[in-house]
Amino acid sequence: MIRPGRLPAIRRRFGGERRDTEGRGLDTVSLFDPRVAAVEVRECGEPLIDLREVDALRLDRRPAGRRDDAPVRLRLGVVDRLVTAQTLLPAGLRLYVARGHHPEPPESPHATGAAVDLTLCTVEGAPLWVGSDPRVAWSPHRPMEASAPDPVAAENRGHLRRAMTAAGFINYPAVWRHWSYGDRYWACVTGMRFAGYGPVRGPGRRSG
């Protein structure tokens, strides 16, 4: 969780605030913006953790083509922050993780193990309505800031946004379920000069 006054310390760790050539903060960018690709990566070497071994987190097995026993892996620091985010949710709610590391293509946000697609569920694992079906490629309610279709979706989306943001994640505004910490996109949006997570091929294997 980012406490008041902690952001300057985090910025020092990642090289300070990053600005464009005219001195403007970089705060609203596409995943494939050239400024994201230009962020330096200083790989921290954290391992990928198999979320099947993390009892605190629920795994969403609904994505098309996923086997029930298929691993969902994320960097160790990202997993720690997800557990923190979950403690910030209202009683009875849990994070429902659908997608983590995917090595191909290497420029994909998920290739670093620092990006995660997720939604909310009950303690029993029943998915909650957050405004659009996460399995559907497009919906007018897909962007995080889009008007939710009903009060229930608006409330759940607010719970998700507050918990994930407080734990240090940033959202890709075009997709409410996509969050990351420590990758190039996170560094660019939050104003850090470098990212701590680069592409990895698999557990313990960095991309060359």
C-alpha atoms as a PDB file:
ATOM      1  CA  MET A   1       0.000   0.000   0.000  1.00  0.00           C
ATOM      2  CA  ILE A   2       1.304   3.478  -0.848  1.00  0.00           C
ATOM      3  CA  ARG A   3       1.014   5.617   2.259  1.00  0.00           C
ATOM      4  CA  PRO A   4       0.871   9.437   2.138  1.00  0.00           C
ATOM      5  CA  GLY A   5       4.355  10.740   1.451  1.00  0.00           C
ATOM      6  CA  ARG A   6       5.674   7.439   0.070  1.00  0.00           C
ATOM      7  CA  LEU A   7       5.527   8.344  -3.651  1.00  0.00           C
ATOM      8  CA  PRO A   8       8.676  10.538  -3.501  1.00  0.00           C
ATOM      9  CA  ALA A   9      10.606   7.611  -1.988  1.00  0.00           C
ATOM     10  CA  ILE A  10       9.350   5.255  -4.695  1.00  0.00           C
ATOM     11  CA  ARG A  11      10.342   7.774  -7.345  1.00  0.00           C
ATOM     12  CA  ARG A  12      13.857   7.937  -5.875  1.00  0.00           C
ATOM     13  CA  ARG A  13      14.092   4.132  -6.058  1.00  0.00           C
ATOM     14  CA  PHE A  14      13.138   4.098  -9.724  1.00  0.00           C
ATOM     15  CA  GLY A  15      15.226   7.100 -10.728  1.00  0.00           C
ATOM     16  CA  GLY A  16      12.946  10.042 -10.036  1.00  0.00           C
ATOM     17  CA  GLU A  17      10.128  11.614 -11.982  1.00  0.00           C
ATOM     18  CA  ARG A  18      10.246  11.148 -15.749  1.00  0.00           C
ATOM     19  CA  ARG A  19       9.129  14.007 -18.000  1.00  0.00           C
ATOM     20  CA  ASP A  20       8.988  14.643 -21.710  1.00  0.00           C
ATOM     21  CA  THR A  21      11.246  17.074 -23.600  1.00  0.00           C
ATOM     22  CA  GLU A  22       9.009  20.005 -22.692  1.00  0.00           C
ATOM     23  CA  GLY A  23       8.996  19.187 -18.994  1.00  0.00           C
ATOM     24  CA  ARG A  24       5.478  17.729 -18.871  1.00  0.00           C
ATOM     25  CA  GLY A  25       4.729  14.707 -16.736  1.00  0.00           C
ATOM     26  CA  LEU A  26       3.901  11.537 -18.666  1.00  0.00           C
ATOM     27  CA  ASP A  27       0.558  10.411 -17.272  1.00  0.00           C
ATOM     28  CA  THR A  28      -1.804   9.302 -20.077  1.00  0.00           C
ATOM     29  CA  VAL A  29      -0.301   7.012 -22.687  1.00  0.00           C
ATOM     30  CA  SER A  30      -1.109   3.953 -24.777  1.00  0.00           C
ATOM     31  CA  LEU A  31       0.489   0.596 -24.020  1.00  0.00           C
ATOM     32  CA  PHE A  32       2.272   0.888 -27.363  1.00  0.00           C
ATOM     33  CA  ASP A  33       3.254   4.554 -27.109  1.00  0.00           C
ATOM     34  CA  PRO A  34       6.913   5.052 -28.152  1.00  0.00           C
ATOM     35  CA  ARG A  35       7.550   6.710 -24.785  1.00  0.00           C
ATOM     36  CA  VAL A  36       6.744   3.413 -23.071  1.00  0.00           C
ATOM     37  CA  ALA A  37       9.226   1.496 -25.236  1.00  0.00           C
ATOM     38  CA  ALA A  38      11.843   4.168 -24.517  1.00  0.00           C
ATOM     39  CA  VAL A  39      11.813   3.514 -20.744  1.00  0.00           C
ATOM     40  CA  GLU A  40      15.018   1.874 -19.572  1.00  0.00           C
ATOM     41  CA  VAL A  41      14.693  -1.547 -17.917  1.00  0.00           C
ATOM     42  CA  ARG A  42      16.943  -2.407 -14.992  1.00  0.00           C
ATOM     43  CA  GLU A  43      15.910  -5.994 -14.430  1.00  0.00           C
ATOM     44  CA  CYS A  44      15.618  -6.804 -10.730  1.00  0.00           C
ATOM     45  CA  GLY A  45      15.676 -10.568 -11.251  1.00  0.00           C
ATOM     46  CA  GLU A  46      12.619 -11.432  -9.181  1.00  0.00           C
ATOM     47  CA  PRO A  47      11.237 -14.911  -9.901  1.00  0.00           C
ATOM     48  CA  LEU A  48       7.848 -15.748 -11.331  1.00  0.00           C
ATOM     49  CA  ILE A  49       5.496 -17.178  -8.720  1.00  0.00           C
ATOM     50  CA  ASP A  50       2.856 -19.774  -9.557  1.00  0.00           C
ATOM     51  CA  LEU A  51      -0.424 -18.422  -8.175  1.00  0.00           C
ATOM     52  CA  ARG A  52      -1.738 -21.939  -7.742  1.00  0.00           C
ATOM     53  CA  GLU A  53       0.563 -22.004  -4.716  1.00  0.00           C
ATOM     54  CA  VAL A  54      -0.771 -18.738  -3.277  1.00  0.00           C
ATOM     55  CA  ASP A  55      -3.793 -19.685  -1.207  1.00  0.00           C
ATOM     56  CA  ALA A  56      -4.781 -16.065  -0.590  1.00  0.00           C
ATOM     57  CA  LEU A  57      -5.645 -15.429  -4.257  1.00  0.00           C
ATOM     58  CA  ARG A  58      -8.448 -16.888  -6.381  1.00  0.00           C
ATOM     59  CA  LEU A  59      -7.849 -17.905 -10.007  1.00  0.00           C
ATOM     60  CA  ASP A  60     -10.432 -17.239 -12.694  1.00  0.00           C
ATOM     61  CA  ARG A  61     -10.566 -20.336 -14.910  1.00  0.00           C
ATOM     62  CA  ARG A  62     -13.108 -18.897 -17.345  1.00  0.00           C
ATOM     63  CA  PRO A  63     -10.805 -17.481 -20.074  1.00  0.00           C
ATOM     64  CA  ALA A  64     -11.235 -19.410 -23.313  1.00  0.00           C
ATOM     65  CA  GLY A  65      -8.844 -22.295 -23.796  1.00  0.00           C
ATOM     66  CA  ARG A  66      -7.512 -22.333 -20.254  1.00  0.00           C
ATOM     67  CA  ARG A  67      -7.036 -25.706 -18.591  1.00  0.00           C
ATOM     68  CA  ASP A  68      -8.113 -25.929 -14.974  1.00  0.00           C
ATOM     69  CA  ASP A  69      -4.560 -26.865 -14.001  1.00  0.00           C
ATOM     70  CA  ALA A  70      -2.803 -24.239 -16.163  1.00  0.00           C
ATOM     71  CA  PRO A  71      -0.377 -22.061 -14.181  1.00  0.00           C
ATOM     72  CA  VAL A  72      -0.844 -18.319 -13.739  1.00  0.00           C
ATOM     73  CA  ARG A  73       2.507 -16.732 -12.889  1.00  0.00           C
ATOM     74  CA  LEU A  74       3.492 -13.244 -11.761  1.00  0.00           C
ATOM     75  CA  ARG A  75       6.611 -11.629 -10.330  1.00  0.00           C
ATOM     76  CA  LEU A  76       7.132 -12.046  -6.598  1.00  0.00           C
ATOM     77  CA  GLY A  77       6.734  -8.331  -5.845  1.00  0.00           C
ATOM     78  CA  VAL A  78       3.565  -8.163  -7.923  1.00  0.00           C
ATOM     79  CA  VAL A  79       2.073 -11.109  -6.032  1.00  0.00           C
ATOM     80  CA  ASP A  80       2.886  -9.423  -2.711  1.00  0.00           C
ATOM     81  CA  ARG A  81       1.086  -6.284  -3.855  1.00  0.00           C
ATOM     82  CA  LEU A  82      -1.924  -8.262  -5.025  1.00  0.00           C
ATOM     83  CA  VAL A  83      -2.229  -9.804  -1.579  1.00  0.00           C
ATOM     84  CA  THR A  84      -1.977  -6.308  -0.101  1.00  0.00           C
ATOM     85  CA  ALA A  85      -4.663  -5.026  -2.483  1.00  0.00           C
ATOM     86  CA  GLN A  86      -6.943  -7.851  -1.457  1.00  0.00           C
ATOM     87  CA  THR A  87      -6.699  -6.828   2.210  1.00  0.00           C
ATOM     88  CA  LEU A  88      -7.975  -3.386   1.184  1.00  0.00           C
ATOM     89  CA  LEU A  89     -11.192  -4.730  -0.331  1.00  0.00           C
ATOM     90  CA  PRO A  90     -14.437  -4.683   1.646  1.00  0.00           C
ATOM     91  CA  ALA A  91     -15.217  -7.791   3.679  1.00  0.00           C
ATOM     92  CA  GLY A  92     -16.472 -10.636   1.519  1.00  0.00           C
ATOM     93  CA  LEU A  93     -14.682  -9.587  -1.680  1.00  0.00           C
ATOM     94  CA  ARG A  94     -11.629 -11.190  -3.252  1.00  0.00           C
ATOM     95  CA  LEU A  95      -9.437 -10.563  -6.285  1.00  0.00           C
ATOM     96  CA  TYR A  96     -10.120 -12.970  -9.138  1.00  0.00           C
ATOM     97  CA  VAL A  97      -6.981 -13.343 -11.256  1.00  0.00           C
ATOM     98  CA  ALA A  98      -7.493 -14.326 -14.899  1.00  0.00           C
ATOM     99  CA  ARG A  99      -4.131 -13.765 -16.600  1.00  0.00           C
ATOM    100  CA  GLY A 100      -0.523 -13.200 -15.643  1.00  0.00           C
ATOM    101  CA  HIS A 101       2.761 -13.869 -17.405  1.00  0.00           C
ATOM    102  CA  HIS A 102       2.728 -14.783 -21.093  1.00  0.00           C
ATOM    103  CA  PRO A 103       6.123 -14.836 -22.833  1.00  0.00           C
ATOM    104  CA  GLU A 104       5.006 -14.200 -26.416  1.00  0.00           C
ATOM    105  CA  PRO A 105       5.279 -11.772 -27.980  1.00  0.00           C
ATOM    106  CA  PRO A 106       8.157 -10.316 -25.871  1.00  0.00           C
ATOM    107  CA  GLU A 107       6.874  -6.750 -26.323  1.00  0.00           C
ATOM    108  CA  SER A 108       3.502  -7.732 -24.832  1.00  0.00           C
ATOM    109  CA  PRO A 109       2.657  -6.150 -21.460  1.00  0.00           C
ATOM    110  CA  HIS A 110       2.201  -9.650 -20.032  1.00  0.00           C
ATOM    111  CA  ALA A 111       5.695 -10.789 -21.087  1.00  0.00           C
ATOM    112  CA  THR A 112       7.254  -9.202 -17.997  1.00  0.00           C
ATOM    113  CA  GLY A 113       5.184 -11.018 -15.388  1.00  0.00           C
ATOM    114  CA  ALA A 114       4.304  -7.587 -14.010  1.00  0.00           C
ATOM    115  CA  ALA A 115       0.902  -7.166 -15.682  1.00  0.00           C
ATOM    116  CA  VAL A 116      -2.268  -8.877 -14.519  1.00  0.00           C
ATOM    117  CA  ASP A 117      -5.843  -9.135 -15.751  1.00  0.00           C
ATOM    118  CA  LEU A 118      -8.325  -9.579 -12.936  1.00  0.00           C
ATOM    119  CA  THR A 119     -11.776  -8.877 -11.588  1.00  0.00           C
ATOM    120  CA  LEU A 120     -13.590  -9.449  -8.287  1.00  0.00           C
ATOM    121  CA  CYS A 121     -15.311 -12.457  -6.786  1.00  0.00           C
ATOM    122  CA  THR A 122     -16.933 -13.528  -3.533  1.00  0.00           C
ATOM    123  CA  VAL A 123     -15.109 -15.506  -0.843  1.00  0.00           C
ATOM    124  CA  GLU A 124     -16.644 -18.632  -2.395  1.00  0.00           C
ATOM    125  CA  GLY A 125     -15.233 -17.746  -5.840  1.00  0.00           C
ATOM    126  CA  ALA A 126     -18.402 -16.504  -7.559  1.00  0.00           C
ATOM    127  CA  PRO A 127     -17.469 -13.719 -10.041  1.00  0.00           C
ATOM    128  CA  LEU A 128     -18.926 -10.265  -9.435  1.00  0.00           C
ATOM    129  CA  TRP A 129     -20.343  -7.895 -12.051  1.00  0.00           C
ATOM    130  CA  VAL A 130     -17.917  -5.062 -12.843  1.00  0.00           C
ATOM    131  CA  GLY A 131     -19.650  -3.652 -15.904  1.00  0.00           C
ATOM    132  CA  SER A 132     -18.555  -5.897 -18.772  1.00  0.00           C
ATOM    133  CA  ASP A 133     -17.702  -9.538 -19.299  1.00  0.00           C
ATOM    134  CA  PRO A 134     -13.873  -9.835 -19.078  1.00  0.00           C
ATOM    135  CA  ARG A 135     -14.005 -12.563 -21.750  1.00  0.00           C
ATOM    136  CA  VAL A 136     -15.560 -10.186 -24.315  1.00  0.00           C
ATOM    137  CA  ALA A 137     -13.050  -8.358 -26.527  1.00  0.00           C
ATOM    138  CA  TRP A 138     -14.965  -5.065 -26.693  1.00  0.00           C
ATOM    139  CA  SER A 139     -17.704  -3.322 -24.769  1.00  0.00           C
ATOM    140  CA  PRO A 140     -18.618   0.367 -24.348  1.00  0.00           C
ATOM    141  CA  HIS A 141     -18.136  -0.239 -20.628  1.00  0.00           C
ATOM    142  CA  ARG A 142     -14.670  -1.765 -21.010  1.00  0.00           C
ATOM    143  CA  PRO A 143     -12.640   1.407 -20.200  1.00  0.00           C
ATOM    144  CA  MET A 144     -12.108   1.967 -16.486  1.00  0.00           C
ATOM    145  CA  GLU A 145     -13.533   5.481 -16.596  1.00  0.00           C
ATOM    146  CA  ALA A 146     -16.504   4.590 -18.821  1.00  0.00           C
ATOM    147  CA  SER A 147     -19.914   4.993 -17.247  1.00  0.00           C
ATOM    148  CA  ALA A 148     -20.837   1.759 -15.510  1.00  0.00           C
ATOM    149  CA  PRO A 149     -24.091   0.262 -16.804  1.00  0.00           C
ATOM    150  CA  ASP A 150     -25.649   0.026 -13.335  1.00  0.00           C
ATOM    151  CA  PRO A 151     -24.993   0.909  -9.659  1.00  0.00           C
ATOM    152  CA  VAL A 152     -23.718  -2.576  -8.795  1.00  0.00           C
ATOM    153  CA  ALA A 153     -21.048  -2.427 -11.493  1.00  0.00           C
ATOM    154  CA  ALA A 154     -20.090   1.106 -10.467  1.00  0.00           C
ATOM    155  CA  GLU A 155     -19.675   0.079  -6.840  1.00  0.00           C
ATOM    156  CA  ASN A 156     -17.593  -3.003  -7.643  1.00  0.00           C
ATOM    157  CA  ARG A 157     -15.431  -1.107 -10.118  1.00  0.00           C
ATOM    158  CA  GLY A 158     -14.788   1.497  -7.448  1.00  0.00           C
ATOM    159  CA  HIS A 159     -13.746  -1.174  -4.946  1.00  0.00           C
ATOM    160  CA  LEU A 160     -11.314  -2.657  -7.462  1.00  0.00           C
ATOM    161  CA  ARG A 161      -9.827   0.684  -8.459  1.00  0.00           C
ATOM    162  CA  ARG A 162      -9.284   1.913  -4.896  1.00  0.00           C
ATOM    163  CA  ALA A 163      -7.666  -1.308  -3.669  1.00  0.00           C
ATOM    164  CA  MET A 164      -5.364  -1.766  -6.655  1.00  0.00           C
ATOM    165  CA  THR A 165      -4.313   1.884  -6.767  1.00  0.00           C
ATOM    166  CA  ALA A 166      -3.582   1.967  -3.038  1.00  0.00           C
ATOM    167  CA  ALA A 167      -1.364  -1.110  -3.443  1.00  0.00           C
ATOM    168  CA  GLY A 168       0.752   0.694  -6.054  1.00  0.00           C
ATOM    169  CA  PHE A 169      -0.695  -0.659  -9.320  1.00  0.00           C
ATOM    170  CA  ILE A 170      -1.661   1.445 -12.309  1.00  0.00           C
ATOM    171  CA  ASN A 171      -4.556   0.682 -14.633  1.00  0.00           C
ATOM    172  CA  TYR A 172      -4.498   0.711 -18.417  1.00  0.00           C
ATOM    173  CA  PRO A 173      -7.457   3.096 -18.854  1.00  0.00           C
ATOM    174  CA  ALA A 174      -8.832   1.368 -21.964  1.00  0.00           C
ATOM    175  CA  VAL A 175      -9.368  -1.921 -20.093  1.00  0.00           C
ATOM    176  CA  TRP A 176     -10.685  -1.901 -16.510  1.00  0.00           C
ATOM    177  CA  ARG A 177      -9.274  -5.355 -15.703  1.00  0.00           C
ATOM    178  CA  HIS A 178      -5.655  -4.694 -16.792  1.00  0.00           C
ATOM    179  CA  TRP A 179      -3.195  -3.563 -14.085  1.00  0.00           C
ATOM    180  CA  SER A 180       0.565  -3.530 -13.708  1.00  0.00           C
ATOM    181  CA  TYR A 181       3.384  -2.650 -11.355  1.00  0.00           C
ATOM    182  CA  GLY A 182       7.076  -2.171 -12.108  1.00  0.00           C
ATOM    183  CA  ASP A 183       7.003  -2.610 -15.905  1.00  0.00           C
ATOM    184  CA  ARG A 184       7.721  -0.007 -18.576  1.00  0.00           C
ATOM    185  CA  TYR A 185       4.140   1.173 -18.778  1.00  0.00           C
ATOM    186  CA  TRP A 186       3.952   1.608 -15.003  1.00  0.00           C
ATOM    187  CA  ALA A 187       7.252   3.512 -15.015  1.00  0.00           C
ATOM    188  CA  CYS A 188       6.141   5.805 -17.830  1.00  0.00           C
ATOM    189  CA  VAL A 189       2.746   6.610 -16.317  1.00  0.00           C
ATOM    190  CA  THR A 190       4.018   7.129 -12.769  1.00  0.00           C
ATOM    191  CA  GLY A 191       7.011   9.204 -13.852  1.00  0.00           C
ATOM    192  CA  MET A 192       9.819   6.771 -12.992  1.00  0.00           C
ATOM    193  CA  ARG A 193      12.996   6.807 -15.055  1.00  0.00           C
ATOM    194  CA  PHE A 194      13.337   3.047 -15.308  1.00  0.00           C
ATOM    195  CA  ALA A 195      11.393  -0.166 -14.888  1.00  0.00           C
ATOM    196  CA  GLY A 196      12.376  -3.058 -12.655  1.00  0.00           C
ATOM    197  CA  TYR A 197      10.731  -5.812 -14.698  1.00  0.00           C
ATOM    198  CA  GLY A 198      11.637  -6.723 -18.272  1.00  0.00           C
ATOM    199  CA  PRO A 199      10.444  -9.621 -20.457  1.00  0.00           C
ATOM    200  CA  VAL A 200      11.000 -13.155 -19.145  1.00  0.00           C
ATOM    201  CA  ARG A 201      10.573 -16.359 -21.139  1.00  0.00           C
ATOM    202  CA  GLY A 202       9.514 -18.471 -18.192  1.00  0.00           C
ATOM    203  CA  PRO A 203      10.318 -19.140 -14.536  1.00  0.00           C
ATOM    204  CA  GLY A 204      13.807 -17.808 -13.928  1.00  0.00           C
ATOM    205  CA  ARG A 205      14.575 -17.161 -17.630  1.00  0.00           C
ATOM    206  CA  ARG A 206      15.020 -13.586 -18.883  1.00  0.00           C
ATOM    207  CA  SER A 207      14.517 -12.743 -22.532  1.00  0.00           C
ATOM    208  CA  GLY A 208      17.694 -11.904 -24.368  1.00  0.00           C
END
